[in-house]
Amino acid sequence: MAYRSIAEARNLSDEELTAEITSAKQKLFQLRLAQTTGRLEKPHEFKHTRRWVAQLLTIQTERQKGIVRKTTSNIGA
């Protein structure tokens, strides 16, 4: 499974971002359920999913507060 980049998330519309957050939180819930029932095969997905949720929520907060992030190509220029 290829993990999505933060740059991809920044290109999402507000509606798509909200849908992606909901989807990622659902996946995190399913991972917790699988762990509790002993069916979790890939425990590393917890880390990746938690990080993805955090990144999405950060982007959402930045948009709400009107914060503009510099891209990596602009840093140091």
N, C-alpha and C. Protein backbone atom coordinates (compact mmCIF):
# COMPACT_ATOMS: atom_id res chain seq x y z
N MET A 1 0.83 -1.17 0.00
CA MET A 1 0.00 0.00 0.00
C MET A 1 0.88 1.24 0.00
N ALA A 2 0.67 2.10 -0.95
CA ALA A 2 1.44 3.34 -1.02
C ALA A 2 0.76 4.38 -0.14
N TYR A 3 1.54 5.06 0.66
CA TYR A 3 0.99 6.07 1.54
C TYR A 3 0.97 7.40 0.83
N ARG A 4 -0.08 8.16 1.08
CA ARG A 4 -0.26 9.43 0.40
C ARG A 4 0.64 10.50 1.01
N SER A 5 0.98 11.47 0.21
CA SER A 5 1.86 12.54 0.68
C SER A 5 1.02 13.73 1.16
N ILE A 6 1.64 14.55 1.97
CA ILE A 6 0.96 15.74 2.48
C ILE A 6 0.66 16.72 1.35
N ALA A 7 1.51 16.72 0.32
CA ALA A 7 1.26 17.60 -0.84
C ALA A 7 -0.04 17.22 -1.53
N GLU A 8 -0.32 15.92 -1.60
CA GLU A 8 -1.59 15.46 -2.18
C GLU A 8 -2.76 15.98 -1.37
N ALA A 9 -2.63 15.92 -0.06
CA ALA A 9 -3.71 16.35 0.82
C ALA A 9 -3.95 17.84 0.70
N ARG A 10 -2.91 18.61 0.51
CA ARG A 10 -3.05 20.06 0.39
C ARG A 10 -3.81 20.44 -0.89
N ASN A 11 -3.80 19.57 -1.88
CA ASN A 11 -4.50 19.84 -3.14
C ASN A 11 -5.97 19.47 -3.10
N LEU A 12 -6.44 18.86 -2.01
CA LEU A 12 -7.83 18.47 -1.89
C LEU A 12 -8.71 19.69 -1.60
N SER A 13 -9.95 19.64 -2.08
CA SER A 13 -10.90 20.70 -1.74
C SER A 13 -11.34 20.50 -0.29
N ASP A 14 -12.04 21.48 0.26
CA ASP A 14 -12.50 21.37 1.65
C ASP A 14 -13.42 20.17 1.85
N GLU A 15 -14.31 19.92 0.89
CA GLU A 15 -15.23 18.79 1.00
C GLU A 15 -14.47 17.46 0.93
N GLU A 16 -13.52 17.39 0.01
CA GLU A 16 -12.72 16.17 -0.13
C GLU A 16 -11.87 15.95 1.12
N LEU A 17 -11.36 17.03 1.69
CA LEU A 17 -10.55 16.93 2.90
C LEU A 17 -11.38 16.39 4.06
N THR A 18 -12.59 16.90 4.21
CA THR A 18 -13.48 16.43 5.27
C THR A 18 -13.81 14.95 5.07
N ALA A 19 -14.08 14.57 3.83
CA ALA A 19 -14.38 13.17 3.53
C ALA A 19 -13.18 12.27 3.82
N GLU A 20 -11.99 12.74 3.50
CA GLU A 20 -10.77 11.97 3.74
C GLU A 20 -10.51 11.82 5.24
N ILE A 21 -10.78 12.87 6.01
CA ILE A 21 -10.62 12.79 7.47
C ILE A 21 -11.57 11.75 8.04
N THR A 22 -12.82 11.78 7.60
CA THR A 22 -13.81 10.81 8.06
C THR A 22 -13.38 9.40 7.71
N SER A 23 -12.91 9.21 6.49
CA SER A 23 -12.46 7.90 6.04
C SER A 23 -11.27 7.40 6.85
N ALA A 24 -10.32 8.27 7.10
CA ALA A 24 -9.12 7.88 7.86
C ALA A 24 -9.47 7.55 9.31
N LYS A 25 -10.40 8.30 9.89
CA LYS A 25 -10.82 8.01 11.27
C LYS A 25 -11.56 6.67 11.34
N GLN A 26 -12.34 6.37 10.30
CA GLN A 26 -13.02 5.08 10.24
C GLN A 26 -12.01 3.94 10.16
N LYS A 27 -10.98 4.13 9.35
CA LYS A 27 -9.95 3.11 9.21
C LYS A 27 -9.23 2.90 10.54
N LEU A 28 -8.96 3.98 11.26
CA LEU A 28 -8.31 3.88 12.56
C LEU A 28 -9.19 3.10 13.53
N PHE A 29 -10.49 3.34 13.49
CA PHE A 29 -11.42 2.60 14.34
C PHE A 29 -11.39 1.11 13.99
N GLN A 30 -11.39 0.80 12.70
CA GLN A 30 -11.35 -0.59 12.26
C GLN A 30 -10.05 -1.27 12.68
N LEU A 31 -8.95 -0.53 12.65
CA LEU A 31 -7.67 -1.08 13.10
C LEU A 31 -7.70 -1.38 14.59
N ARG A 32 -8.30 -0.48 15.37
CA ARG A 32 -8.42 -0.71 16.82
C ARG A 32 -9.29 -1.94 17.10
N LEU A 33 -10.37 -2.07 16.35
CA LEU A 33 -11.26 -3.21 16.51
C LEU A 33 -10.53 -4.51 16.17
N ALA A 34 -9.78 -4.49 15.09
CA ALA A 34 -9.02 -5.68 14.68
C ALA A 34 -7.97 -6.04 15.73
N GLN A 35 -7.35 -5.03 16.33
CA GLN A 35 -6.35 -5.30 17.36
C GLN A 35 -7.00 -5.91 18.59
N THR A 36 -8.14 -5.39 18.97
CA THR A 36 -8.84 -5.90 20.15
C THR A 36 -9.28 -7.34 19.96
N THR A 37 -9.73 -7.68 18.76
CA THR A 37 -10.19 -9.04 18.50
C THR A 37 -9.05 -9.96 18.09
N GLY A 38 -7.85 -9.44 17.99
CA GLY A 38 -6.69 -10.26 17.68
C GLY A 38 -6.52 -10.58 16.21
N ARG A 39 -7.15 -9.81 15.34
CA ARG A 39 -7.05 -10.08 13.90
C ARG A 39 -6.15 -9.09 13.17
N LEU A 40 -5.44 -8.26 13.89
CA LEU A 40 -4.60 -7.24 13.26
C LEU A 40 -3.34 -7.88 12.68
N GLU A 41 -3.18 -7.76 11.36
CA GLU A 41 -2.04 -8.38 10.69
C GLU A 41 -0.88 -7.40 10.47
N LYS A 42 -1.19 -6.12 10.35
CA LYS A 42 -0.16 -5.13 10.06
C LYS A 42 -0.22 -4.01 11.10
N PRO A 43 0.42 -4.21 12.25
CA PRO A 43 0.34 -3.20 13.31
C PRO A 43 0.95 -1.85 12.93
N HIS A 44 1.84 -1.83 11.96
CA HIS A 44 2.46 -0.57 11.55
C HIS A 44 1.44 0.39 10.91
N GLU A 45 0.31 -0.15 10.47
CA GLU A 45 -0.70 0.72 9.87
C GLU A 45 -1.28 1.71 10.87
N PHE A 46 -1.23 1.36 12.17
CA PHE A 46 -1.65 2.30 13.21
C PHE A 46 -0.87 3.60 13.09
N LYS A 47 0.43 3.47 13.04
CA LYS A 47 1.31 4.65 12.98
C LYS A 47 1.00 5.48 11.74
N HIS A 48 0.90 4.83 10.61
CA HIS A 48 0.67 5.55 9.36
C HIS A 48 -0.70 6.22 9.35
N THR A 49 -1.70 5.53 9.84
CA THR A 49 -3.05 6.09 9.83
C THR A 49 -3.18 7.24 10.82
N ARG A 50 -2.60 7.09 12.01
CA ARG A 50 -2.63 8.17 13.00
C ARG A 50 -1.92 9.41 12.45
N ARG A 51 -0.80 9.19 11.81
CA ARG A 51 -0.04 10.31 11.24
C ARG A 51 -0.84 10.99 10.12
N TRP A 52 -1.50 10.19 9.29
CA TRP A 52 -2.29 10.72 8.18
C TRP A 52 -3.45 11.56 8.72
N VAL A 53 -4.12 11.07 9.77
CA VAL A 53 -5.21 11.83 10.38
C VAL A 53 -4.68 13.15 10.92
N ALA A 54 -3.55 13.12 11.59
CA ALA A 54 -2.96 14.34 12.16
C ALA A 54 -2.62 15.34 11.06
N GLN A 55 -2.06 14.86 9.96
CA GLN A 55 -1.71 15.75 8.85
C GLN A 55 -2.96 16.38 8.24
N LEU A 56 -4.00 15.58 8.07
CA LEU A 56 -5.25 16.09 7.50
C LEU A 56 -5.88 17.14 8.42
N LEU A 57 -5.89 16.86 9.72
CA LEU A 57 -6.45 17.81 10.67
C LEU A 57 -5.64 19.10 10.72
N THR A 58 -4.32 18.98 10.57
CA THR A 58 -3.47 20.17 10.53
C THR A 58 -3.80 21.03 9.32
N ILE A 59 -3.97 20.41 8.18
CA ILE A 59 -4.32 21.15 6.97
C ILE A 59 -5.67 21.84 7.14
N GLN A 60 -6.62 21.13 7.72
CA GLN A 60 -7.95 21.70 7.94
C GLN A 60 -7.87 22.92 8.88
N THR A 61 -7.10 22.81 9.94
CA THR A 61 -6.93 23.92 10.88
C THR A 61 -6.24 25.10 10.22
N GLU A 62 -5.22 24.83 9.41
CA GLU A 62 -4.53 25.90 8.69
C GLU A 62 -5.49 26.67 7.80
N ARG A 63 -6.36 25.94 7.12
CA ARG A 63 -7.32 26.60 6.23
C ARG A 63 -8.32 27.43 7.03
N GLN A 64 -8.76 26.92 8.16
CA GLN A 64 -9.73 27.66 8.98
C GLN A 64 -9.12 28.94 9.53
N LYS A 65 -7.83 28.89 9.87
CA LYS A 65 -7.17 30.06 10.44
C LYS A 65 -6.53 30.96 9.38
N GLY A 66 -6.55 30.51 8.12
CA GLY A 66 -6.00 31.31 7.04
C GLY A 66 -4.48 31.31 6.99
N ILE A 67 -3.87 30.27 7.49
CA ILE A 67 -2.41 30.16 7.49
C ILE A 67 -1.95 29.63 6.13
N VAL A 68 -0.97 30.29 5.55
CA VAL A 68 -0.42 29.85 4.27
C VAL A 68 0.95 29.26 4.53
N ARG A 69 1.14 28.00 4.13
CA ARG A 69 2.40 27.31 4.34
C ARG A 69 3.31 27.53 3.14
N LYS A 70 4.59 27.67 3.41
CA LYS A 70 5.57 27.75 2.33
C LYS A 70 5.80 26.35 1.80
N THR A 71 5.96 26.24 0.49
CA THR A 71 6.30 24.95 -0.08
C THR A 71 7.80 24.75 0.05
N THR A 72 8.24 23.52 -0.06
CA THR A 72 9.66 23.23 0.11
C THR A 72 10.50 23.89 -0.99
N SER A 73 9.92 24.14 -2.14
CA SER A 73 10.69 24.77 -3.21
C SER A 73 10.92 26.26 -2.92
N ASN A 74 10.10 26.87 -2.06
CA ASN A 74 10.25 28.29 -1.74
C ASN A 74 11.20 28.51 -0.57
N ILE A 75 11.43 27.52 0.23
CA ILE A 75 12.28 27.67 1.40
C ILE A 75 13.73 27.82 0.97
N GLY A 76 14.38 28.81 1.49
CA GLY A 76 15.78 29.04 1.17
C GLY A 76 16.00 29.81 -0.12
N ALA A 77 14.94 30.22 -0.75
CA ALA A 77 15.08 30.96 -2.01
C ALA A 77 15.15 32.44 -1.78
